[in-house]
PDB file of N, CA and C in Angstrom:
ATOM      1  N   MET A   1      57.754 185.788  49.882  1.00  0.00           N
ATOM      2  CA  MET A   1      58.092 184.390  50.071  1.00  0.00           C
ATOM      3  C   MET A   1      57.207 183.530  49.170  1.00  0.00           C
ATOM      4  N   ASN A   2      57.797 182.548  48.505  1.00  0.00           N
ATOM      5  CA  ASN A   2      57.051 181.638  47.655  1.00  0.00           C
ATOM      6  C   ASN A   2      56.349 180.572  48.486  1.00  0.00           C
ATOM      7  N   GLN A   3      55.119 180.266  48.124  1.00  0.00           N
ATOM      8  CA  GLN A   3      54.387 179.194  48.789  1.00  0.00           C
ATOM      9  C   GLN A   3      54.872 177.859  48.250  1.00  0.00           C
ATOM     10  N   GLN A   4      55.234 176.936  49.135  1.00  0.00           N
ATOM     11  CA  GLN A   4      55.644 175.599  48.705  1.00  0.00           C
ATOM     12  C   GLN A   4      54.395 174.745  48.544  1.00  0.00           C
ATOM     13  N   LEU A   5      54.270 174.172  47.358  1.00  0.00           N
ATOM     14  CA  LEU A   5      53.101 173.353  47.058  1.00  0.00           C
ATOM     15  C   LEU A   5      53.320 171.888  47.430  1.00  0.00           C
ATOM     16  N   LEU A   6      54.581 171.480  47.511  1.00  0.00           N
ATOM     17  CA  LEU A   6      54.917 170.141  47.987  1.00  0.00           C
ATOM     18  C   LEU A   6      55.192 170.205  49.473  1.00  0.00           C
ATOM     19  N   LYS A   7      54.927 169.095  50.176  1.00  0.00           N
ATOM     20  CA  LYS A   7      55.206 169.031  51.608  1.00  0.00           C
ATOM     21  C   LYS A   7      55.793 167.668  51.949  1.00  0.00           C
ATOM     22  N   ASN A   8      56.360 167.556  53.136  1.00  0.00           N
ATOM     23  CA  ASN A   8      56.905 166.294  53.646  1.00  0.00           C
ATOM     24  C   ASN A   8      58.016 165.719  52.777  1.00  0.00           C
ATOM     25  N   ILE A   9      58.774 166.594  52.124  1.00  0.00           N
ATOM     26  CA  ILE A   9      59.899 166.177  51.288  1.00  0.00           C
ATOM     27  C   ILE A   9      60.928 167.311  51.282  1.00  0.00           C
ATOM     28  N   ASP A  10      62.207 166.938  51.309  1.00  0.00           N
ATOM     29  CA  ASP A  10      63.268 167.943  51.266  1.00  0.00           C
ATOM     30  C   ASP A  10      63.405 168.513  49.863  1.00  0.00           C
ATOM     31  N   PHE A  11      63.606 169.814  49.796  1.00  0.00           N
ATOM     32  CA  PHE A  11      63.835 170.474  48.521  1.00  0.00           C
ATOM     33  C   PHE A  11      65.336 170.514  48.218  1.00  0.00           C
ATOM     34  N   SER A  12      65.666 170.583  46.953  1.00  0.00           N
ATOM     35  CA  SER A  12      67.051 170.712  46.481  1.00  0.00           C
ATOM     36  C   SER A  12      67.949 169.622  47.055  1.00  0.00           C
ATOM     37  N   LYS A  13      67.443 168.411  47.050  1.00  0.00           N
ATOM     38  CA  LYS A  13      68.180 167.256  47.566  1.00  0.00           C
ATOM     39  C   LYS A  13      67.777 166.027  46.759  1.00  0.00           C
ATOM     40  N   VAL A  14      68.737 165.250  46.319  1.00  0.00           N
ATOM     41  CA  VAL A  14      68.441 164.011  45.600  1.00  0.00           C
ATOM     42  C   VAL A  14      67.980 162.972  46.621  1.00  0.00           C
ATOM     43  N   ILE A  15      66.841 162.371  46.353  1.00  0.00           N
ATOM     44  CA  ILE A  15      66.226 161.427  47.296  1.00  0.00           C
ATOM     45  C   ILE A  15      65.798 160.174  46.541  1.00  0.00           C
ATOM     46  N   GLU A  16      65.991 159.020  47.156  1.00  0.00           N
ATOM     47  CA  GLU A  16      65.434 157.786  46.616  1.00  0.00           C
ATOM     48  C   GLU A  16      63.990 157.710  47.096  1.00  0.00           C
ATOM     49  N   MET A  17      63.047 157.834  46.175  1.00  0.00           N
ATOM     50  CA  MET A  17      61.625 157.927  46.499  1.00  0.00           C
ATOM     51  C   MET A  17      61.176 156.810  47.439  1.00  0.00           C
ATOM     52  N   GLU A  18      61.637 155.610  47.191  1.00  0.00           N
ATOM     53  CA  GLU A  18      61.239 154.441  47.981  1.00  0.00           C
ATOM     54  C   GLU A  18      61.579 154.599  49.466  1.00  0.00           C
ATOM     55  N   SER A  19      62.614 155.376  49.774  1.00  0.00           N
ATOM     56  CA  SER A  19      63.054 155.527  51.164  1.00  0.00           C
ATOM     57  C   SER A  19      62.170 156.470  51.979  1.00  0.00           C
ATOM     58  N   LEU A  20      61.240 157.158  51.355  1.00  0.00           N
ATOM     59  CA  LEU A  20      60.417 158.134  52.057  1.00  0.00           C
ATOM     60  C   LEU A  20      59.282 157.517  52.868  1.00  0.00           C
ATOM     61  N   VAL A  21      58.995 156.233  52.650  1.00  0.00           N
ATOM     62  CA  VAL A  21      58.020 155.515  53.480  1.00  0.00           C
ATOM     63  C   VAL A  21      58.651 154.197  53.904  1.00  0.00           C
ATOM     64  N   THR A  22      58.364 153.778  55.129  1.00  0.00           N
ATOM     65  CA  THR A  22      58.937 152.537  55.647  1.00  0.00           C
ATOM     66  C   THR A  22      57.826 151.538  55.954  1.00  0.00           C
ATOM     67  N   TYR A  23      58.173 150.267  55.819  1.00  0.00           N
ATOM     68  CA  TYR A  23      57.226 149.200  56.137  1.00  0.00           C
ATOM     69  C   TYR A  23      57.034 149.120  57.651  1.00  0.00           C
ATOM     70  N   GLN A  24      55.790 148.855  58.063  1.00  0.00           N
ATOM     71  CA  GLN A  24      55.480 148.586  59.457  1.00  0.00           C
ATOM     72  C   GLN A  24      54.578 147.360  59.496  1.00  0.00           C
ATOM     73  N   GLU A  25      54.895 146.434  60.375  1.00  0.00           N
ATOM     74  CA  GLU A  25      54.157 145.179  60.458  1.00  0.00           C
ATOM     75  C   GLU A  25      52.671 145.427  60.680  1.00  0.00           C
ATOM     76  N   GLY A  26      51.842 144.811  59.823  1.00  0.00           N
ATOM     77  CA  GLY A  26      50.396 144.871  59.971  1.00  0.00           C
ATOM     78  C   GLY A  26      49.772 146.223  59.655  1.00  0.00           C
ATOM     79  N   ARG A  27      50.513 147.085  58.934  1.00  0.00           N
ATOM     80  CA  ARG A  27      50.007 148.442  58.711  1.00  0.00           C
ATOM     81  C   ARG A  27      50.161 148.901  57.273  1.00  0.00           C
ATOM     82  N   VAL A  28      49.406 149.939  56.972  1.00  0.00           N
ATOM     83  CA  VAL A  28      49.584 150.711  55.753  1.00  0.00           C
ATOM     84  C   VAL A  28      50.116 152.067  56.202  1.00  0.00           C
ATOM     85  N   VAL A  29      51.255 152.464  55.668  1.00  0.00           N
ATOM     86  CA  VAL A  29      51.887 153.736  56.025  1.00  0.00           C
ATOM     87  C   VAL A  29      51.784 154.657  54.818  1.00  0.00           C
ATOM     88  N   SER A  30      51.406 155.915  55.055  1.00  0.00           N
ATOM     89  CA  SER A  30      51.320 156.856  53.938  1.00  0.00           C
ATOM     90  C   SER A  30      52.061 158.143  54.260  1.00  0.00           C
ATOM     91  N   ARG A  31      52.480 158.813  53.186  1.00  0.00           N
ATOM     92  CA  ARG A  31      53.154 160.105  53.294  1.00  0.00           C
ATOM     93  C   ARG A  31      52.637 160.982  52.152  1.00  0.00           C
ATOM     94  N   THR A  32      51.892 162.010  52.500  1.00  0.00           N
ATOM     95  CA  THR A  32      51.324 162.904  51.504  1.00  0.00           C
ATOM     96  C   THR A  32      52.371 163.926  51.081  1.00  0.00           C
ATOM     97  N   LEU A  33      52.564 164.058  49.763  1.00  0.00           N
ATOM     98  CA  LEU A  33      53.509 165.033  49.223  1.00  0.00           C
ATOM     99  C   LEU A  33      52.796 166.264  48.665  1.00  0.00           C
ATOM    100  N   ALA A  34      51.565 166.097  48.211  1.00  0.00           N
ATOM    101  CA  ALA A  34      50.742 167.216  47.736  1.00  0.00           C
ATOM    102  C   ALA A  34      49.287 166.790  47.826  1.00  0.00           C
ATOM    103  N   GLN A  35      48.420 167.755  48.191  1.00  0.00           N
ATOM    104  CA  GLN A  35      47.009 167.402  48.293  1.00  0.00           C
ATOM    105  C   GLN A  35      46.154 168.608  47.958  1.00  0.00           C
ATOM    106  N   GLY A  36      45.168 168.373  47.133  1.00  0.00           N
ATOM    107  CA  GLY A  36      44.231 169.422  46.763  1.00  0.00           C
ATOM    108  C   GLY A  36      43.772 169.229  45.343  1.00  0.00           C
ATOM    109  N   LYS A  37      43.043 170.202  44.844  1.00  0.00           N
ATOM    110  CA  LYS A  37      42.627 170.155  43.443  1.00  0.00           C
ATOM    111  C   LYS A  37      43.620 170.995  42.689  1.00  0.00           C
ATOM    112  N   PRO A  38      44.122 170.544  41.591  1.00  0.00           N
ATOM    113  CA  PRO A  38      43.688 169.389  40.810  1.00  0.00           C
ATOM    114  C   PRO A  38      44.524 168.139  41.024  1.00  0.00           C
ATOM    115  N   LEU A  39      45.356 168.058  42.078  1.00  0.00           N
ATOM    116  CA  LEU A  39      46.331 166.981  42.171  1.00  0.00           C
ATOM    117  C   LEU A  39      46.550 166.530  43.606  1.00  0.00           C
ATOM    118  N   SER A  40      46.696 165.208  43.764  1.00  0.00           N
ATOM    119  CA  SER A  40      47.074 164.621  45.038  1.00  0.00           C
ATOM    120  C   SER A  40      48.225 163.644  44.768  1.00  0.00           C
ATOM    121  N   VAL A  41      49.287 163.727  45.571  1.00  0.00           N
ATOM    122  CA  VAL A  41      50.446 162.845  45.415  1.00  0.00           C
ATOM    123  C   VAL A  41      50.751 162.240  46.780  1.00  0.00           C
ATOM    124  N   THR A  42      50.713 160.895  46.862  1.00  0.00           N
ATOM    125  CA  THR A  42      50.910 160.210  48.139  1.00  0.00           C
ATOM    126  C   THR A  42      51.769 158.971  47.932  1.00  0.00           C
ATOM    127  N   LEU A  43      52.683 158.742  48.873  1.00  0.00           N
ATOM    128  CA  LEU A  43      53.477 157.513  48.909  1.00  0.00           C
ATOM    129  C   LEU A  43      52.854 156.574  49.927  1.00  0.00           C
ATOM    130  N   PHE A  44      52.869 155.282  49.629  1.00  0.00           N
ATOM    131  CA  PHE A  44      52.335 154.277  50.545  1.00  0.00           C
ATOM    132  C   PHE A  44      53.318 153.127  50.704  1.00  0.00           C
ATOM    133  N   ALA A  45      53.335 152.521  51.890  1.00  0.00           N
ATOM    134  CA  ALA A  45      54.034 151.261  52.155  1.00  0.00           C
ATOM    135  C   ALA A  45      53.015 150.322  52.799  1.00  0.00           C
ATOM    136  N   PHE A  46      52.804 149.155  52.199  1.00  0.00           N
ATOM    137  CA  PHE A  46      51.833 148.171  52.667  1.00  0.00           C
ATOM    138  C   PHE A  46      52.554 146.935  53.159  1.00  0.00           C
ATOM    139  N   ASP A  47      52.184 146.444  54.336  1.00  0.00           N
ATOM    140  CA  ASP A  47      52.669 145.145  54.767  1.00  0.00           C
ATOM    141  C   ASP A  47      51.892 144.077  53.987  1.00  0.00           C
ATOM    142  N   LYS A  48      52.488 142.908  53.868  1.00  0.00           N
ATOM    143  CA  LYS A  48      51.840 141.802  53.156  1.00  0.00           C
ATOM    144  C   LYS A  48      50.444 141.555  53.718  1.00  0.00           C
ATOM    145  N   GLY A  49      49.468 141.419  52.817  1.00  0.00           N
ATOM    146  CA  GLY A  49      48.100 141.125  53.219  1.00  0.00           C
ATOM    147  C   GLY A  49      47.248 142.346  53.505  1.00  0.00           C
ATOM    148  N   GLU A  50      47.863 143.515  53.642  1.00  0.00           N
ATOM    149  CA  GLU A  50      47.083 144.728  53.874  1.00  0.00           C
ATOM    150  C   GLU A  50      46.387 145.132  52.582  1.00  0.00           C
ATOM    151  N   GLU A  51      45.330 145.920  52.699  1.00  0.00           N
ATOM    152  CA  GLU A  51      44.573 146.265  51.508  1.00  0.00           C
ATOM    153  C   GLU A  51      43.897 147.621  51.633  1.00  0.00           C
ATOM    154  N   ILE A  52      43.456 148.126  50.500  1.00  0.00           N
ATOM    155  CA  ILE A  52      42.533 149.256  50.437  1.00  0.00           C
ATOM    156  C   ILE A  52      41.276 148.688  49.802  1.00  0.00           C
ATOM    157  N   SER A  53      40.175 148.740  50.538  1.00  0.00           N
ATOM    158  CA  SER A  53      38.939 148.142  50.039  1.00  0.00           C
ATOM    159  C   SER A  53      38.434 148.892  48.811  1.00  0.00           C
ATOM    160  N   THR A  54      37.581 148.238  48.073  1.00  0.00           N
ATOM    161  CA  THR A  54      37.044 148.800  46.845  1.00  0.00           C
ATOM    162  C   THR A  54      36.318 150.114  47.133  1.00  0.00           C
ATOM    163  N   HIS A  55      36.648 151.118  46.342  1.00  0.00           N
ATOM    164  CA  HIS A  55      36.063 152.445  46.494  1.00  0.00           C
ATOM    165  C   HIS A  55      36.063 153.152  45.140  1.00  0.00           C
ATOM    166  N   VAL A  56      35.488 154.336  45.082  1.00  0.00           N
ATOM    167  CA  VAL A  56      35.435 155.132  43.860  1.00  0.00           C
ATOM    168  C   VAL A  56      36.093 156.472  44.146  1.00  0.00           C
ATOM    169  N   SER A  57      36.846 156.976  43.181  1.00  0.00           N
ATOM    170  CA  SER A  57      37.494 158.278  43.296  1.00  0.00           C
ATOM    171  C   SER A  57      36.959 159.198  42.205  1.00  0.00           C
ATOM    172  N   GLY A  58      36.875 160.480  42.500  1.00  0.00           N
ATOM    173  CA  GLY A  58      36.418 161.457  41.524  1.00  0.00           C
ATOM    174  C   GLY A  58      37.493 161.903  40.561  1.00  0.00           C
ATOM    175  N   GLY A  59      38.715 161.347  40.714  1.00  0.00           N
ATOM    176  CA  GLY A  59      39.803 161.717  39.813  1.00  0.00           C
ATOM    177  C   GLY A  59      40.447 160.490  39.193  1.00  0.00           C
ATOM    178  N   ASP A  60      41.135 160.699  38.075  1.00  0.00           N
ATOM    179  CA  ASP A  60      41.936 159.626  37.472  1.00  0.00           C
ATOM    180  C   ASP A  60      43.159 159.392  38.355  1.00  0.00           C
ATOM    181  N   ALA A  61      43.518 158.133  38.565  1.00  0.00           N
ATOM    182  CA  ALA A  61      44.632 157.793  39.440  1.00  0.00           C
ATOM    183  C   ALA A  61      45.705 157.036  38.671  1.00  0.00           C
ATOM    184  N   LEU A  62      46.949 157.318  39.019  1.00  0.00           N
ATOM    185  CA  LEU A  62      48.100 156.624  38.454  1.00  0.00           C
ATOM    186  C   LEU A  62      48.876 156.014  39.612  1.00  0.00           C
ATOM    187  N   VAL A  63      49.092 154.704  39.558  1.00  0.00           N
ATOM    188  CA  VAL A  63      49.861 154.002  40.584  1.00  0.00           C
ATOM    189  C   VAL A  63      51.176 153.548  39.965  1.00  0.00           C
ATOM    190  N   TYR A  64      52.283 153.872  40.637  1.00  0.00           N
ATOM    191  CA  TYR A  64      53.605 153.398  40.222  1.00  0.00           C
ATOM    192  C   TYR A  64      54.164 152.573  41.377  1.00  0.00           C
ATOM    193  N   ILE A  65      54.488 151.312  41.107  1.00  0.00           N
ATOM    194  CA  ILE A  65      54.992 150.412  42.149  1.00  0.00           C
ATOM    195  C   ILE A  65      56.500 150.629  42.317  1.00  0.00           C
ATOM    196  N   LEU A  66      56.885 151.030  43.520  1.00  0.00           N
ATOM    197  CA  LEU A  66      58.285 151.307  43.842  1.00  0.00           C
ATOM    198  C   LEU A  66      59.019 150.071  44.338  1.00  0.00           C
ATOM    199  N   ASP A  67      58.266 149.130  44.950  1.00  0.00           N
ATOM    200  CA  ASP A  67      58.868 147.930  45.531  1.00  0.00           C
ATOM    201  C   ASP A  67      57.768 146.892  45.716  1.00  0.00           C
ATOM    202  N   GLY A  68      58.105 145.627  45.570  1.00  0.00           N
ATOM    203  CA  GLY A  68      57.157 144.550  45.838  1.00  0.00           C
ATOM    204  C   GLY A  68      56.115 144.384  44.753  1.00  0.00           C
ATOM    205  N   GLU A  69      54.942 143.857  45.156  1.00  0.00           N
ATOM    206  CA  GLU A  69      53.884 143.611  44.181  1.00  0.00           C
ATOM    207  C   GLU A  69      52.519 143.618  44.850  1.00  0.00           C
ATOM    208  N   ALA A  70      51.508 143.927  44.022  1.00  0.00           N
ATOM    209  CA  ALA A  70      50.130 144.017  44.517  1.00  0.00           C
ATOM    210  C   ALA A  70      49.161 143.492  43.476  1.00  0.00           C
ATOM    211  N   GLU A  71      47.990 143.143  43.947  1.00  0.00           N
ATOM    212  CA  GLU A  71      46.867 142.789  43.087  1.00  0.00           C
ATOM    213  C   GLU A  71      45.926 143.985  43.118  1.00  0.00           C
ATOM    214  N   ILE A  72      45.694 144.598  41.959  1.00  0.00           N
ATOM    215  CA  ILE A  72      44.856 145.791  41.867  1.00  0.00           C
ATOM    216  C   ILE A  72      43.619 145.457  41.048  1.00  0.00           C
ATOM    217  N   ALA A  73      42.445 145.728  41.618  1.00  0.00           N
ATOM    218  CA  ALA A  73      41.181 145.511  40.926  1.00  0.00           C
ATOM    219  C   ALA A  73      40.674 146.849  40.408  1.00  0.00           C
ATOM    220  N   ILE A  74      40.303 146.863  39.122  1.00  0.00           N
ATOM    221  CA  ILE A  74      39.686 148.036  38.507  1.00  0.00           C
ATOM    222  C   ILE A  74      38.421 147.545  37.824  1.00  0.00           C
ATOM    223  N   GLY A  75      37.288 147.989  38.317  1.00  0.00           N
ATOM    224  CA  GLY A  75      36.025 147.453  37.808  1.00  0.00           C
ATOM    225  C   GLY A  75      35.985 145.960  38.058  1.00  0.00           C
ATOM    226  N   GLU A  76      35.765 145.181  37.024  1.00  0.00           N
ATOM    227  CA  GLU A  76      35.682 143.725  37.142  1.00  0.00           C
ATOM    228  C   GLU A  76      37.010 143.020  36.836  1.00  0.00           C
ATOM    229  N   GLU A  77      38.059 143.781  36.523  1.00  0.00           N
ATOM    230  CA  GLU A  77      39.348 143.189  36.148  1.00  0.00           C
ATOM    231  C   GLU A  77      40.352 143.261  37.294  1.00  0.00           C
ATOM    232  N   ASN A  78      41.206 142.224  37.390  1.00  0.00           N
ATOM    233  CA  ASN A  78      42.293 142.197  38.363  1.00  0.00           C
ATOM    234  C   ASN A  78      43.629 142.232  37.627  1.00  0.00           C
ATOM    235  N   PHE A  79      44.567 142.985  38.195  1.00  0.00           N
ATOM    236  CA  PHE A  79      45.886 143.151  37.590  1.00  0.00           C
ATOM    237  C   PHE A  79      46.960 142.870  38.626  1.00  0.00           C
ATOM    238  N   HIS A  80      47.958 142.094  38.228  1.00  0.00           N
ATOM    239  CA  HIS A  80      49.120 141.836  39.075  1.00  0.00           C
ATOM    240  C   HIS A  80      50.187 142.853  38.660  1.00  0.00           C
ATOM    241  N   VAL A  81      50.539 143.744  39.578  1.00  0.00           N
ATOM    242  CA  VAL A  81      51.457 144.837  39.261  1.00  0.00           C
ATOM    243  C   VAL A  81      52.655 144.738  40.200  1.00  0.00           C
ATOM    244  N   LYS A  82      53.873 144.858  39.628  1.00  0.00           N
ATOM    245  CA  LYS A  82      55.081 144.700  40.442  1.00  0.00           C
ATOM    246  C   LYS A  82      56.050 145.860  40.237  1.00  0.00           C
ATOM    247  N   LYS A  83      57.120 145.829  41.025  1.00  0.00           N
ATOM    248  CA  LYS A  83      58.119 146.900  41.028  1.00  0.00           C
ATOM    249  C   LYS A  83      58.466 147.340  39.607  1.00  0.00           C
ATOM    250  N   GLY A  84      58.439 148.660  39.404  1.00  0.00           N
ATOM    251  CA  GLY A  84      58.780 149.233  38.118  1.00  0.00           C
ATOM    252  C   GLY A  84      57.612 149.365  37.160  1.00  0.00           C
ATOM    253  N   GLU A  85      56.445 148.834  37.547  1.00  0.00           N
ATOM    254  CA  GLU A  85      55.274 148.903  36.672  1.00  0.00           C
ATOM    255  C   GLU A  85      54.285 149.951  37.181  1.00  0.00           C
ATOM    256  N   THR A  86      53.433 150.398  36.273  1.00  0.00           N
ATOM    257  CA  THR A  86      52.426 151.387  36.617  1.00  0.00           C
ATOM    258  C   THR A  86      51.086 150.993  36.006  1.00  0.00           C
ATOM    259  N   ILE A  87      50.023 151.504  36.588  1.00  0.00           N
ATOM    260  CA  ILE A  87      48.687 151.272  36.045  1.00  0.00           C
ATOM    261  C   ILE A  87      47.849 152.518  36.306  1.00  0.00           C
ATOM    262  N   ALA A  88      47.002 152.871  35.350  1.00  0.00           N
ATOM    263  CA  ALA A  88      46.103 154.012  35.487  1.00  0.00           C
ATOM    264  C   ALA A  88      44.696 153.513  35.772  1.00  0.00           C
ATOM    265  N   MET A  89      44.011 154.220  36.668  1.00  0.00           N
ATOM    266  CA  MET A  89      42.653 153.865  37.055  1.00  0.00           C
ATOM    267  C   MET A  89      41.741 155.050  36.747  1.00  0.00           C
ATOM    268  N   PRO A  90      40.727 154.853  35.921  1.00  0.00           N
ATOM    269  CA  PRO A  90      39.854 155.973  35.557  1.00  0.00           C
ATOM    270  C   PRO A  90      38.956 156.412  36.716  1.00  0.00           C
ATOM    271  N   ALA A  91      38.620 157.693  36.715  1.00  0.00           N
ATOM    272  CA  ALA A  91      37.711 158.240  37.718  1.00  0.00           C
ATOM    273  C   ALA A  91      36.367 157.518  37.676  1.00  0.00           C
ATOM    274  N   ASN A  92      35.736 157.437  38.839  1.00  0.00           N
ATOM    275  CA  ASN A  92      34.369 156.926  38.983  1.00  0.00           C
ATOM    276  C   ASN A  92      34.195 155.451  38.638  1.00  0.00           C
ATOM    277  N   ILE A  93      35.294 154.694  38.582  1.00  0.00           N
ATOM    278  CA  ILE A  93      35.242 153.240  38.405  1.00  0.00           C
ATOM    279  C   ILE A  93      35.726 152.615  39.713  1.00  0.00           C
ATOM    280  N   PRO A  94      34.976 151.681  40.308  1.00  0.00           N
ATOM    281  CA  PRO A  94      35.422 151.065  41.556  1.00  0.00           C
ATOM    282  C   PRO A  94      36.797 150.408  41.404  1.00  0.00           C
ATOM    283  N   HIS A  95      37.642 150.602  42.417  1.00  0.00           N
ATOM    284  CA  HIS A  95      38.972 149.994  42.413  1.00  0.00           C
ATOM    285  C   HIS A  95      39.419 149.764  43.858  1.00  0.00           C
ATOM    286  N   GLY A  96      40.357 148.837  44.012  1.00  0.00           N
ATOM    287  CA  GLY A  96      40.911 148.505  45.317  1.00  0.00           C
ATOM    288  C   GLY A  96      42.171 147.691  45.115  1.00  0.00           C
ATOM    289  N   LEU A  97      42.860 147.360  46.200  1.00  0.00           N
ATOM    290  CA  LEU A  97      44.096 146.591  46.057  1.00  0.00           C
ATOM    291  C   LEU A  97      44.403 145.774  47.290  1.00  0.00           C
ATOM    292  N   VAL A  98      45.230 144.733  47.075  1.00  0.00           N
ATOM    293  CA  VAL A  98      45.711 143.849  48.137  1.00  0.00           C
ATOM    294  C   VAL A  98      47.205 143.666  47.938  1.00  0.00           C
ATOM    295  N   ALA A  99      47.959 143.768  49.043  1.00  0.00           N
ATOM    296  CA  ALA A  99      49.407 143.549  48.996  1.00  0.00           C
ATOM    297  C   ALA A  99      49.682 142.054  48.959  1.00  0.00           C
ATOM    298  N   LYS A 100      50.147 141.539  47.815  1.00  0.00           N
ATOM    299  CA  LYS A 100      50.495 140.125  47.699  1.00  0.00           C
ATOM    300  C   LYS A 100      51.790 139.830  48.448  1.00  0.00           C
ATOM    301  N   GLU A 101      52.612 140.830  48.583  1.00  0.00           N
ATOM    302  CA  GLU A 101      53.793 140.835  49.441  1.00  0.00           C
ATOM    303  C   GLU A 101      53.957 142.287  49.854  1.00  0.00           C
ATOM    304  N   LYS A 102      54.928 142.566  50.725  1.00  0.00           N
ATOM    305  CA  LYS A 102      55.150 143.968  51.066  1.00  0.00           C
ATOM    306  C   LYS A 102      55.332 144.755  49.776  1.00  0.00           C
ATOM    307  N   PHE A 103      54.738 145.938  49.714  1.00  0.00           N
ATOM    308  CA  PHE A 103      54.976 146.763  48.536  1.00  0.00           C
ATOM    309  C   PHE A 103      54.822 148.241  48.862  1.00  0.00           C
ATOM    310  N   LYS A 104      55.486 149.045  48.032  1.00  0.00           N
ATOM    311  CA  LYS A 104      55.410 150.499  48.138  1.00  0.00           C
ATOM    312  C   LYS A 104      54.937 151.050  46.808  1.00  0.00           C
ATOM    313  N   MET A 105      54.135 152.126  46.882  1.00  0.00           N
ATOM    314  CA  MET A 105      53.635 152.726  45.652  1.00  0.00           C
ATOM    315  C   MET A 105      53.580 154.229  45.770  1.00  0.00           C
ATOM    316  N   LEU A 106      53.673 154.861  44.629  1.00  0.00           N
ATOM    317  CA  LEU A 106      53.426 156.293  44.483  1.00  0.00           C
ATOM    318  C   LEU A 106      52.069 156.415  43.827  1.00  0.00           C
ATOM    319  N   LEU A 107      51.162 157.162  44.452  1.00  0.00           N
ATOM    320  CA  LEU A 107      49.817 157.362  43.931  1.00  0.00           C
ATOM    321  C   LEU A 107      49.653 158.830  43.545  1.00  0.00           C
ATOM    322  N   ILE A 108      49.291 159.056  42.289  1.00  0.00           N
ATOM    323  CA  ILE A 108      48.998 160.409  41.801  1.00  0.00           C
ATOM    324  C   ILE A 108      47.547 160.406  41.334  1.00  0.00           C
ATOM    325  N   VAL A 109      46.762 161.302  41.901  1.00  0.00           N
ATOM    326  CA  VAL A 109      45.356 161.417  41.507  1.00  0.00           C
ATOM    327  C   VAL A 109      45.157 162.817  40.921  1.00  0.00           C
ATOM    328  N   VAL A 110      44.570 162.865  39.727  1.00  0.00           N
ATOM    329  CA  VAL A 110      44.326 164.117  39.024  1.00  0.00           C
ATOM    330  C   VAL A 110      42.825 164.341  38.953  1.00  0.00           C
ATOM    331  N   PHE A 111      42.386 165.496  39.464  1.00  0.00           N
ATOM    332  CA  PHE A 111      40.972 165.853  39.501  1.00  0.00           C
ATOM    333  C   PHE A 111      40.695 166.944  38.477  1.00  0.00           C
ATOM    334  N   SER A 112      39.454 167.003  37.979  1.00  0.00           N
ATOM    335  CA  SER A 112      39.075 168.110  37.097  1.00  0.00           C
ATOM    336  C   SER A 112      38.779 169.329  37.974  1.00  0.00           C
ATOM    337  N   LEU A 113      38.959 170.468  37.391  1.00  0.00           N
ATOM    338  CA  LEU A 113      38.712 171.715  38.163  1.00  0.00           C
ATOM    339  C   LEU A 113      37.280 172.157  38.069  1.00  0.00           C
TER     340      LEU A 113
END
């Protein structure tokens, strides 16, 4: 039997990525699709005003906005990112985000081995 490296997603089925996480009032909802070294893949849905406080990650991160918009801080810079846009965040640089309106994102973090 083959080990499935992805989880929480149907195989051999066309899926609209945005539909895999739903908005909940006053919450951040996440759905992990893969986790470990060298890769982590997680979907998030943020209610307006929710945030992830500034932190540092040991891997490079790629955020793709599936819906809505967010303010993302990387180091000393702030970026307004909206549906259809992506931004990369380098490892070991402080970053965080605030939902300017409801938004959903796909987060891919790549770690060195």
